[in-house]
Amino acid sequence: SPSPSSNNNPLLIAMSNNIQTLNNVAQSYYDSDDAFNFYQQVWGGSFIHVGIYEPKTNPNDDDILEAIKKASHESSIHLFNLSKPLSTSSMVMDMGSGYGGNARLCHSLFGSMVVCIDLSRKENAVNISLNESLGVSDRVVVPGERSFFDTKEPD
């Protein structure tokens, strides 16, 4: 099928250009050294999202980084428990996969095949490296820098 920009409809052309602009902005942000280092070193390096935190009284600074990692992991476990049933025959797409923590967790919990969609070259490189080191790159696949607007994956 023709791409929206090959159509003469001005609205479709504007939407296509806007999506590309959004993709470029997001990719520049996630590939910036500041964002990459923050997510890698502060946010835990696997799961880039807010987590489920247990109440704590005055955690000291040493606890904070571990608390973030644990809370992010617990949040993912909670979401996967809501999504059951998944199995080894399930095909899952992780949209905005970052470092691939959720993709690897999904695979480890259910044996599912997971395709990781992310715009960031740097985050994809970390994801691929971790997948290879864990021997799961045949089931947790990173097809390159892609947008969730255009995954290039079958429906």
N, C-alpha and C. Protein backbone atom coordinates (compact mmCIF):
# COMPACT_ATOMS: atom_id res chain seq x y z
N SER A 1 0.84 -1.18 0.00
CA SER A 1 0.00 0.00 0.00
C SER A 1 0.88 1.24 0.00
N PRO A 2 0.42 2.30 -0.61
CA PRO A 2 1.24 3.51 -0.67
C PRO A 2 1.39 4.14 0.69
N SER A 3 2.53 4.79 0.89
CA SER A 3 2.75 5.49 2.16
C SER A 3 1.90 6.74 2.19
N PRO A 4 1.56 7.25 3.38
CA PRO A 4 0.74 8.45 3.47
C PRO A 4 1.35 9.63 2.73
N SER A 5 2.67 9.74 2.72
CA SER A 5 3.30 10.89 2.07
C SER A 5 3.24 10.80 0.55
N SER A 6 2.97 9.58 0.00
CA SER A 6 2.87 9.46 -1.45
C SER A 6 1.46 9.81 -1.92
N ASN A 7 0.52 9.98 -1.00
CA ASN A 7 -0.84 10.36 -1.29
C ASN A 7 -0.87 11.88 -1.40
N ASN A 8 -1.73 12.41 -2.22
CA ASN A 8 -1.82 13.87 -2.38
C ASN A 8 -2.68 14.55 -1.33
N ASN A 9 -3.21 13.80 -0.39
CA ASN A 9 -4.06 14.36 0.66
C ASN A 9 -3.18 15.17 1.62
N PRO A 10 -3.41 16.49 1.72
CA PRO A 10 -2.57 17.33 2.59
C PRO A 10 -2.60 16.90 4.06
N LEU A 11 -3.74 16.45 4.54
CA LEU A 11 -3.83 16.02 5.93
C LEU A 11 -2.94 14.81 6.19
N LEU A 12 -2.97 13.84 5.27
CA LEU A 12 -2.13 12.65 5.42
C LEU A 12 -0.65 13.01 5.33
N ILE A 13 -0.32 13.94 4.45
CA ILE A 13 1.08 14.37 4.33
C ILE A 13 1.53 15.05 5.62
N ALA A 14 0.69 15.93 6.17
CA ALA A 14 1.02 16.62 7.42
C ALA A 14 1.17 15.63 8.55
N MET A 15 0.27 14.66 8.64
CA MET A 15 0.36 13.65 9.70
C MET A 15 1.64 12.85 9.57
N SER A 16 1.98 12.45 8.36
CA SER A 16 3.19 11.68 8.14
C SER A 16 4.43 12.48 8.53
N ASN A 17 4.47 13.74 8.16
CA ASN A 17 5.61 14.59 8.51
C ASN A 17 5.68 14.79 10.01
N ASN A 18 4.53 14.95 10.67
CA ASN A 18 4.49 15.14 12.11
C ASN A 18 4.98 13.89 12.84
N ILE A 19 4.58 12.72 12.38
CA ILE A 19 5.03 11.46 12.99
C ILE A 19 6.54 11.34 12.86
N GLN A 20 7.08 11.68 11.69
CA GLN A 20 8.53 11.61 11.50
C GLN A 20 9.24 12.59 12.43
N THR A 21 8.67 13.78 12.59
CA THR A 21 9.24 14.75 13.51
C THR A 21 9.23 14.22 14.93
N LEU A 22 8.11 13.63 15.37
CA LEU A 22 8.02 13.04 16.70
C LEU A 22 9.05 11.94 16.88
N ASN A 23 9.19 11.09 15.87
CA ASN A 23 10.19 10.01 15.93
C ASN A 23 11.59 10.59 16.09
N ASN A 24 11.90 11.61 15.31
CA ASN A 24 13.24 12.21 15.36
C ASN A 24 13.53 12.83 16.73
N VAL A 25 12.54 13.52 17.29
CA VAL A 25 12.72 14.14 18.61
C VAL A 25 12.93 13.05 19.67
N ALA A 26 12.09 12.02 19.65
CA ALA A 26 12.21 10.94 20.63
C ALA A 26 13.55 10.23 20.49
N GLN A 27 13.96 9.95 19.27
CA GLN A 27 15.22 9.26 19.04
C GLN A 27 16.40 10.11 19.53
N SER A 28 16.38 11.39 19.24
CA SER A 28 17.46 12.27 19.70
C SER A 28 17.53 12.31 21.22
N TYR A 29 16.37 12.36 21.86
CA TYR A 29 16.35 12.40 23.32
C TYR A 29 16.93 11.12 23.90
N TYR A 30 16.41 9.96 23.51
CA TYR A 30 16.85 8.70 24.11
C TYR A 30 18.28 8.34 23.74
N ASP A 31 18.79 8.86 22.62
CA ASP A 31 20.18 8.61 22.26
C ASP A 31 21.13 9.66 22.84
N SER A 32 20.60 10.70 23.49
CA SER A 32 21.48 11.71 24.09
C SER A 32 22.23 11.08 25.27
N ASP A 33 23.44 11.55 25.49
CA ASP A 33 24.24 11.02 26.60
C ASP A 33 23.55 11.21 27.95
N ASP A 34 22.92 12.37 28.15
CA ASP A 34 22.26 12.63 29.43
C ASP A 34 21.14 11.63 29.71
N ALA A 35 20.24 11.45 28.75
CA ALA A 35 19.12 10.51 28.95
C ALA A 35 19.64 9.08 29.07
N PHE A 36 20.54 8.70 28.18
CA PHE A 36 21.06 7.33 28.20
C PHE A 36 21.71 7.02 29.55
N ASN A 37 22.57 7.91 30.02
CA ASN A 37 23.25 7.68 31.30
C ASN A 37 22.29 7.70 32.48
N PHE A 38 21.31 8.60 32.44
CA PHE A 38 20.33 8.64 33.53
C PHE A 38 19.57 7.32 33.61
N TYR A 39 19.02 6.86 32.51
CA TYR A 39 18.23 5.62 32.53
C TYR A 39 19.10 4.41 32.86
N GLN A 40 20.33 4.41 32.39
CA GLN A 40 21.23 3.29 32.64
C GLN A 40 21.70 3.26 34.09
N GLN A 41 22.10 4.40 34.61
CA GLN A 41 22.75 4.42 35.93
C GLN A 41 21.79 4.71 37.08
N VAL A 42 20.80 5.55 36.87
CA VAL A 42 19.91 5.93 37.95
C VAL A 42 18.62 5.10 37.94
N TRP A 43 18.02 4.94 36.79
CA TRP A 43 16.72 4.30 36.71
C TRP A 43 16.80 2.78 36.74
N GLY A 44 17.98 2.23 36.71
CA GLY A 44 18.12 0.80 36.92
C GLY A 44 18.67 0.02 35.74
N GLY A 45 18.64 0.57 34.56
CA GLY A 45 19.29 -0.07 33.43
C GLY A 45 18.54 -1.18 32.73
N SER A 46 17.37 -1.57 33.20
CA SER A 46 16.60 -2.59 32.50
C SER A 46 15.19 -2.13 32.21
N PHE A 47 14.54 -1.58 33.20
CA PHE A 47 13.16 -1.17 33.07
C PHE A 47 13.10 0.34 33.14
N ILE A 48 12.63 0.97 32.07
CA ILE A 48 12.56 2.43 32.06
C ILE A 48 11.10 2.82 32.27
N HIS A 49 10.68 2.85 33.51
CA HIS A 49 9.34 3.29 33.86
C HIS A 49 9.24 3.44 35.37
N VAL A 50 8.18 4.06 35.79
CA VAL A 50 7.93 4.21 37.22
C VAL A 50 7.48 2.86 37.75
N GLY A 51 7.81 2.56 38.97
CA GLY A 51 7.50 1.25 39.52
C GLY A 51 6.49 1.28 40.64
N ILE A 52 6.31 0.12 41.26
CA ILE A 52 5.45 -0.02 42.43
C ILE A 52 6.37 -0.03 43.64
N TYR A 53 6.20 0.97 44.49
CA TYR A 53 7.07 1.13 45.64
C TYR A 53 6.35 0.72 46.92
N GLU A 54 7.04 -0.02 47.75
CA GLU A 54 6.51 -0.35 49.06
C GLU A 54 6.83 0.81 49.99
N PRO A 55 5.92 1.08 50.93
CA PRO A 55 6.19 2.19 51.86
C PRO A 55 7.48 1.96 52.65
N LYS A 56 8.30 2.98 52.72
CA LYS A 56 9.55 2.91 53.48
C LYS A 56 9.65 4.14 54.35
N THR A 57 10.28 3.98 55.45
CA THR A 57 10.52 5.15 56.30
C THR A 57 11.97 5.57 56.16
N ASN A 58 12.16 6.77 55.64
CA ASN A 58 13.48 7.38 55.50
C ASN A 58 14.55 6.45 54.92
N PRO A 59 14.39 6.02 53.67
CA PRO A 59 15.46 5.19 53.10
C PRO A 59 16.74 6.01 52.97
N ASN A 60 17.87 5.38 53.27
CA ASN A 60 19.11 6.13 53.09
C ASN A 60 19.51 6.11 51.62
N ASP A 61 20.47 6.91 51.24
CA ASP A 61 20.84 7.06 49.83
C ASP A 61 21.24 5.75 49.18
N ASP A 62 21.83 4.84 49.94
CA ASP A 62 22.25 3.55 49.37
C ASP A 62 21.05 2.70 48.96
N ASP A 63 19.92 2.89 49.61
CA ASP A 63 18.73 2.10 49.32
C ASP A 63 17.98 2.58 48.08
N ILE A 64 18.13 3.83 47.71
CA ILE A 64 17.30 4.43 46.68
C ILE A 64 17.47 3.75 45.33
N LEU A 65 18.69 3.53 44.87
CA LEU A 65 18.89 2.90 43.57
C LEU A 65 18.35 1.48 43.55
N GLU A 66 18.56 0.74 44.62
CA GLU A 66 18.00 -0.62 44.70
C GLU A 66 16.48 -0.57 44.75
N ALA A 67 15.92 0.40 45.46
CA ALA A 67 14.47 0.55 45.54
C ALA A 67 13.87 0.82 44.17
N ILE A 68 14.53 1.65 43.37
CA ILE A 68 14.05 1.95 42.02
C ILE A 68 14.05 0.68 41.18
N LYS A 69 15.16 -0.08 41.21
CA LYS A 69 15.24 -1.32 40.44
C LYS A 69 14.15 -2.31 40.86
N LYS A 70 14.00 -2.47 42.17
CA LYS A 70 13.00 -3.42 42.68
C LYS A 70 11.59 -2.97 42.31
N ALA A 71 11.30 -1.68 42.48
CA ALA A 71 9.96 -1.17 42.18
C ALA A 71 9.62 -1.33 40.70
N SER A 72 10.59 -1.08 39.84
CA SER A 72 10.37 -1.24 38.41
C SER A 72 10.09 -2.70 38.06
N HIS A 73 10.88 -3.60 38.64
CA HIS A 73 10.69 -5.03 38.40
C HIS A 73 9.33 -5.49 38.91
N GLU A 74 8.95 -5.06 40.12
CA GLU A 74 7.66 -5.44 40.70
C GLU A 74 6.50 -4.92 39.86
N SER A 75 6.64 -3.73 39.31
CA SER A 75 5.61 -3.18 38.44
C SER A 75 5.42 -4.06 37.20
N SER A 76 6.52 -4.49 36.63
CA SER A 76 6.45 -5.36 35.44
C SER A 76 5.82 -6.71 35.78
N ILE A 77 6.20 -7.29 36.90
CA ILE A 77 5.60 -8.56 37.33
C ILE A 77 4.09 -8.39 37.47
N HIS A 78 3.68 -7.31 38.11
CA HIS A 78 2.25 -7.04 38.30
C HIS A 78 1.53 -6.96 36.95
N LEU A 79 2.10 -6.22 36.01
CA LEU A 79 1.46 -6.09 34.69
C LEU A 79 1.40 -7.43 33.95
N PHE A 80 2.47 -8.22 34.03
CA PHE A 80 2.44 -9.52 33.37
C PHE A 80 1.42 -10.45 34.02
N ASN A 81 1.23 -10.35 35.31
CA ASN A 81 0.21 -11.16 35.98
C ASN A 81 -1.19 -10.79 35.49
N LEU A 82 -1.39 -9.53 35.12
CA LEU A 82 -2.68 -9.10 34.57
C LEU A 82 -2.88 -9.56 33.14
N SER A 83 -1.80 -9.81 32.43
CA SER A 83 -1.89 -10.11 30.99
C SER A 83 -2.02 -11.59 30.67
N LYS A 84 -1.97 -12.44 31.66
CA LYS A 84 -2.04 -13.88 31.40
C LYS A 84 -3.29 -14.21 30.62
N PRO A 85 -3.35 -15.25 29.85
CA PRO A 85 -2.29 -16.25 29.71
C PRO A 85 -1.38 -15.96 28.52
N LEU A 86 -0.10 -16.01 28.74
CA LEU A 86 0.90 -16.01 27.69
C LEU A 86 1.60 -17.35 27.75
N SER A 87 2.18 -17.76 26.62
CA SER A 87 2.85 -19.06 26.58
C SER A 87 4.00 -19.02 25.59
N THR A 88 4.61 -20.18 25.39
CA THR A 88 5.73 -20.28 24.44
C THR A 88 5.26 -20.03 23.01
N SER A 89 3.97 -20.17 22.76
CA SER A 89 3.46 -19.91 21.40
C SER A 89 3.01 -18.47 21.22
N SER A 90 3.08 -17.66 22.28
CA SER A 90 2.68 -16.26 22.19
C SER A 90 3.76 -15.42 21.50
N MET A 91 3.30 -14.48 20.69
CA MET A 91 4.18 -13.49 20.09
C MET A 91 3.85 -12.15 20.74
N VAL A 92 4.84 -11.52 21.37
CA VAL A 92 4.63 -10.28 22.11
C VAL A 92 5.48 -9.20 21.46
N MET A 93 4.94 -7.99 21.38
CA MET A 93 5.71 -6.86 20.89
C MET A 93 5.87 -5.87 22.03
N ASP A 94 7.11 -5.55 22.37
CA ASP A 94 7.41 -4.58 23.42
C ASP A 94 7.66 -3.24 22.73
N MET A 95 6.67 -2.36 22.84
CA MET A 95 6.73 -1.06 22.17
C MET A 95 7.42 -0.05 23.08
N GLY A 96 8.56 0.45 22.63
CA GLY A 96 9.37 1.33 23.48
C GLY A 96 10.17 0.49 24.46
N SER A 97 10.84 -0.52 23.92
CA SER A 97 11.47 -1.57 24.74
C SER A 97 12.68 -1.11 25.53
N GLY A 98 13.27 0.02 25.17
CA GLY A 98 14.44 0.49 25.92
C GLY A 98 15.53 -0.56 25.97
N TYR A 99 15.97 -0.90 27.18
CA TYR A 99 17.04 -1.87 27.36
C TYR A 99 16.54 -3.32 27.32
N GLY A 100 15.24 -3.52 27.14
CA GLY A 100 14.70 -4.87 26.96
C GLY A 100 14.36 -5.62 28.23
N GLY A 101 14.34 -4.94 29.36
CA GLY A 101 14.04 -5.63 30.61
C GLY A 101 12.69 -6.32 30.61
N ASN A 102 11.66 -5.63 30.15
CA ASN A 102 10.34 -6.25 30.10
C ASN A 102 10.29 -7.39 29.10
N ALA A 103 10.97 -7.24 27.99
CA ALA A 103 10.98 -8.30 26.97
C ALA A 103 11.62 -9.57 27.53
N ARG A 104 12.78 -9.41 28.18
CA ARG A 104 13.44 -10.58 28.75
C ARG A 104 12.63 -11.18 29.90
N LEU A 105 12.00 -10.33 30.69
CA LEU A 105 11.15 -10.83 31.77
C LEU A 105 9.97 -11.62 31.20
N CYS A 106 9.34 -11.10 30.17
CA CYS A 106 8.23 -11.81 29.52
C CYS A 106 8.70 -13.17 29.02
N HIS A 107 9.84 -13.17 28.37
CA HIS A 107 10.38 -14.44 27.86
C HIS A 107 10.70 -15.40 29.01
N SER A 108 11.28 -14.90 30.08
CA SER A 108 11.66 -15.79 31.18
C SER A 108 10.42 -16.32 31.92
N LEU A 109 9.37 -15.52 32.02
CA LEU A 109 8.16 -15.96 32.71
C LEU A 109 7.32 -16.93 31.88
N PHE A 110 7.22 -16.67 30.58
CA PHE A 110 6.27 -17.40 29.74
C PHE A 110 6.90 -18.15 28.57
N GLY A 111 8.18 -17.87 28.28
CA GLY A 111 8.81 -18.49 27.12
C GLY A 111 8.38 -17.88 25.80
N SER A 112 7.68 -16.76 25.87
CA SER A 112 7.15 -16.12 24.67
C SER A 112 8.25 -15.55 23.79
N MET A 113 7.95 -15.47 22.50
CA MET A 113 8.80 -14.77 21.54
C MET A 113 8.47 -13.29 21.69
N VAL A 114 9.49 -12.43 21.82
CA VAL A 114 9.26 -11.00 22.00
C VAL A 114 10.04 -10.21 20.97
N VAL A 115 9.36 -9.30 20.29
CA VAL A 115 10.01 -8.39 19.35
C VAL A 115 10.07 -7.03 20.03
N CYS A 116 11.27 -6.46 20.10
CA CYS A 116 11.50 -5.19 20.77
C CYS A 116 11.50 -4.05 19.76
N ILE A 117 10.61 -3.09 19.97
CA ILE A 117 10.52 -1.93 19.10
C ILE A 117 10.98 -0.71 19.89
N ASP A 118 12.06 -0.08 19.41
CA ASP A 118 12.58 1.11 20.07
C ASP A 118 13.35 1.96 19.07
N LEU A 119 13.27 3.27 19.21
CA LEU A 119 13.96 4.20 18.31
C LEU A 119 15.43 4.40 18.64
N SER A 120 15.81 4.15 19.87
CA SER A 120 17.15 4.50 20.33
C SER A 120 18.20 3.46 19.91
N ARG A 121 19.16 3.92 19.14
CA ARG A 121 20.27 3.07 18.73
C ARG A 121 21.05 2.58 19.95
N LYS A 122 21.30 3.49 20.89
CA LYS A 122 22.08 3.15 22.08
C LYS A 122 21.35 2.12 22.95
N GLU A 123 20.07 2.34 23.20
CA GLU A 123 19.31 1.41 24.03
C GLU A 123 19.18 0.06 23.34
N ASN A 124 18.97 0.06 22.02
CA ASN A 124 18.90 -1.20 21.28
C ASN A 124 20.22 -1.96 21.39
N ALA A 125 21.35 -1.26 21.34
CA ALA A 125 22.65 -1.92 21.44
C ALA A 125 22.81 -2.59 22.80
N VAL A 126 22.38 -1.92 23.87
CA VAL A 126 22.43 -2.54 25.20
C VAL A 126 21.51 -3.74 25.24
N ASN A 127 20.32 -3.60 24.71
CA ASN A 127 19.34 -4.69 24.68
C ASN A 127 19.92 -5.91 23.96
N ILE A 128 20.47 -5.70 22.78
CA ILE A 128 21.05 -6.80 22.00
C ILE A 128 22.18 -7.47 22.78
N SER A 129 23.05 -6.66 23.38
CA SER A 129 24.17 -7.21 24.14
C SER A 129 23.69 -8.07 25.32
N LEU A 130 22.72 -7.56 26.06
CA LEU A 130 22.17 -8.33 27.18
C LEU A 130 21.50 -9.62 26.71
N ASN A 131 20.76 -9.53 25.61
CA ASN A 131 20.10 -10.73 25.06
C ASN A 131 21.13 -11.78 24.65
N GLU A 132 22.20 -11.33 24.00
CA GLU A 132 23.24 -12.27 23.58
C GLU A 132 23.93 -12.89 24.79
N SER A 133 24.24 -12.07 25.80
CA SER A 133 24.94 -12.61 26.98
C SER A 133 24.08 -13.61 27.74
N LEU A 134 22.77 -13.47 27.66
CA LEU A 134 21.86 -14.39 28.34
C LEU A 134 21.41 -15.54 27.43
N GLY A 135 21.84 -15.53 26.17
CA GLY A 135 21.48 -16.60 25.24
C GLY A 135 20.02 -16.60 24.82
N VAL A 136 19.39 -15.42 24.78
CA VAL A 136 17.97 -15.36 24.41
C VAL A 136 17.71 -14.57 23.13
N SER A 137 18.75 -14.22 22.40
CA SER A 137 18.57 -13.36 21.23
C SER A 137 17.75 -14.02 20.12
N ASP A 138 17.55 -15.34 20.19
CA ASP A 138 16.68 -15.99 19.21
C ASP A 138 15.20 -15.85 19.59
N ARG A 139 14.90 -15.48 20.85
CA ARG A 139 13.51 -15.36 21.32
C ARG A 139 13.16 -13.94 21.75
N VAL A 140 14.17 -13.10 21.97
CA VAL A 140 13.98 -11.69 22.28
C VAL A 140 14.73 -10.93 21.19
N VAL A 141 13.99 -10.49 20.20
CA VAL A 141 14.56 -9.98 18.95
C VAL A 141 14.50 -8.46 18.90
N VAL A 142 15.60 -7.86 18.48
CA VAL A 142 15.69 -6.41 18.31
C VAL A 142 15.97 -6.16 16.82
N PRO A 143 14.93 -5.81 16.05
CA PRO A 143 15.10 -5.67 14.60
C PRO A 143 15.73 -4.36 14.14
N GLY A 144 16.16 -3.51 15.06
CA GLY A 144 16.78 -2.24 14.68
C GLY A 144 15.95 -1.07 15.17
N GLU A 145 16.35 0.13 14.79
CA GLU A 145 15.67 1.33 15.25
C GLU A 145 14.34 1.45 14.52
N ARG A 146 13.26 1.29 15.28
CA ARG A 146 11.92 1.36 14.70
C ARG A 146 11.00 2.13 15.63
N SER A 147 10.00 2.73 15.02
CA SER A 147 9.00 3.49 15.75
C SER A 147 7.74 2.65 15.94
N PHE A 148 7.04 2.89 17.04
CA PHE A 148 5.77 2.18 17.21
C PHE A 148 4.72 2.70 16.24
N PHE A 149 5.00 3.81 15.54
CA PHE A 149 4.12 4.26 14.47
C PHE A 149 4.27 3.39 13.24
N ASP A 150 5.45 2.77 13.07
CA ASP A 150 5.72 1.94 11.90
C ASP A 150 6.71 0.84 12.32
N THR A 151 6.18 -0.26 12.86
CA THR A 151 7.02 -1.32 13.39
C THR A 151 7.63 -2.20 12.31
N LYS A 152 7.02 -2.21 11.13
CA LYS A 152 7.42 -3.09 10.03
C LYS A 152 7.20 -4.56 10.37
N GLU A 153 6.41 -4.81 11.41
CA GLU A 153 6.08 -6.19 11.81
C GLU A 153 4.67 -6.50 11.32
N PRO A 154 4.40 -7.79 11.07
CA PRO A 154 3.04 -8.15 10.64
C PRO A 154 2.01 -7.88 11.74
N ASP A 155 0.78 -7.64 11.34
CA ASP A 155 -0.29 -7.39 12.33
C ASP A 155 -0.60 -8.60 13.15
